[in-house]
Amino acid sequence: MSYRTEEFDVVVVGGGHAGCEAALASARMGLKTVMFCISLDSIAMMPCNPSIGGSSKGHLVREIDALGGEMGKNIDKTYIQTKMLNTGKGPAVYSLRAQADKHRYQTEMKKTLENTENLYIRQGEISDIAVEDGKVTGVKTTSDAFYPAKAVVLCMGTYLKARCLYGETIVESGPNGLMPASKLSKSLLDLGVTLYRFKTGTPARIDGNTIDFSKMTPQYGDENIVPFSFENRAEDIKRDQALCYLTYTNENTHKIIRDNLNRSAMYGGLIHGTGPRYCPSIEDKIVRFADKERHQIFIEPEGEDTCEMYIQGMSTSLPEEVQVEMYRTLPGMENCRIMRNAYAIEYDCIDATQLKLSLEFKNIRGLFGAGQFNGSSGYEEAAAQGLIAGINAARLIQGKDPVVLDRSQAYIGVLIDDLVTRGSKEPYRMMTSRAEYRLLLRQDNADERLTSIGHEAGLISDERYERFLEKERMIDAEIERVCGVSVTPKEEVQELLDKYNSTRLKSGVKLSDLVKRPELDYFKLKDIDPERPDLSYDVREEVNIKIKYEGYIKQQLNQVSQFKKLESRLLPDDIDYNTIDNLRLEARQKLNNIRPASIGQASRITGVSPADITVLLIYLEQNKRRSE
């Protein structure tokens, strides 16, 4: 017989990266919050790659930090190597990536959770979501305890009815051998929630003592450290960095895989879930890129106090004995020993078009979804959604409007809009190419874009907000100064221009004009700018980018202005699209299902044409005239 426990404002189901951010956000906003985990040892676990950030994902982490989340601070405490990626390209795609000591990452995040006011942590499996009159009222555990709540955030990751597979071996298990969440899927189905079956995977972990690293290429971290958190300074988090290594597959590797494809759990028909397009298994790579003679494989340490090495780029569901044979074909790994087998994992998740842009379920008030449960992949995507879901669960209870970031404000806005508006039939991965306004959504200016929102929500302290405002004042003042400095064709100026193969001056110019030259920048011109103030690196970086790319930035701001016009044309929530003449049948079905908040969101729904958007605009105009 079930018993009723104390009441909570917010229940967070799951303690992964989404659950941690959701629970911390609601608790820090003053809401009494409880976070449930299958195992307390799984809090903030990294069951796959031991890293945070990377291309586009680094943007998400800095945005999480700018809003007041924890992931950036935690990786700054626990990184063992850090690199800024894509520096050969423009600043729009610079992305920070850090190798984590994965056990320390967990320990530090758990410590933060345990010492957060208003937050309670509980080990247990949730079996049912209680809903009355279309509103969530609490959750029930497998031990028959009922936890009343005003809002519930679901962050189950890859645990729902999870099973791990390699070769012919199938284990009913969550990641890393932990228990699956086997009961909750039925409750969700009973509530009318549509579930998908997705699949992801992970490579083997190899004993580093059995690897000959002399046959591999060392991969060093950056000498100049860039923190993920805007609150940290490089000198405060700098430390000795670990080495990673690069090796390659070869024809022997590929032959073993081809000869055993029928024994792969994925190719053998045992896996029914849809896998990630942009993070393929090694079997997928060999089949899809048959013309490639080799593939890059990175050997990455899982921490400073373990010899386990992560084999980045070789996830697989091949049988154990084939894995051994395959990994031993790599240069340097001829005598390697597996410590943990590679495996694929199948799990239940939702069709995210059932959610509002706030990540609340459309048909169940107070129920929110976040992370891989929403059909995404990756720690960073999960944490970003968890933060927004946690904020909005708290704001719902506080009687405030939800925080909804649009595509021109943040990669988080792109991520959520893609999931909720377009849905995904495979695990969704964030990429820079998904962001239309990526020159505006750089990882360096995430604080400029989002800190005020985090402050208004109550996650950014007044002290931090004042420091942010002071930084903005310094940036603006320095840009104004640089644009006012005149540079004449003195010999020292001409010599500096010669040094960088830049055209000599024939007359005086503004210093800002020189910054805009492709071969020059704000940093290179220091020697001919004697009045330059002593500014921090992040301020100087912003000054350089804003001056250098001024024209392109203005162009994107004009595009955003047009985008905002469509986003501001709101669609009433109670429209019956079947009653609107001239809408195509597919558009009516999609619009009734997605129920977009605005004309802009409607325009991004697959199956809604420009002609349908014109019909909606006419409909809104006619309604406006009738109301007048």
Foldseek 3Di string as FASTA:
>chain_A
DADEDDAFAEEEEAQELLSLLLLLLLLLLPTQYEYEHQDLQCHNADLAAQKAKDWQRQLLLLLCQLLQTDPLVLQLQFFQFKAFPPPVDDLLGTMIMTGGLRNSSRVVSSVVQVPGGSYHYYYFAWQAFDADPQATQFTATPVRYTHGYRFYEYQQAFQEQKWKFAFPDIGRADRPRHHGRDRHVVNCVVVVFAKAKAKEWHAFWWQLVQFQQVQWAKDHHDPQDDGSHPVDDRVVRDDNHDIKTKWKAAPQLLVLLVVQVCRFCVSVVVDDHHADPVQDAVSCCCVVVVVDGIDMWMWADSRDPGRITGTRNHATRYDPVSSLVNQLRIGRNVRIDTPGHIIMMMHMAGQQLQAALLQAGPRHPNYGYFDCSLQADDSSRRNLRSNSNSLQSSCVVVVHDGDGDDLLQELNNLSSLCRNLATDRHHHDRHSVSRPLSLNSGSLCSSVRNNVVSVVSSSADPVNVVVSVVLVVLLVVVLVVQQVAKDAQDPVQQVLCVVQVHDGDPGIDGNLVVCQPPSHWPVSCPVVVVVDDDDDPSSRVSNGSCSNCVPVNVVSVVVVVVLVVQVPAFDDQPDQLVPQPPFDPQLNVSCVSSVHGTLSSSPPYPPGDPVNSVSVVVVSVVVVVVVD
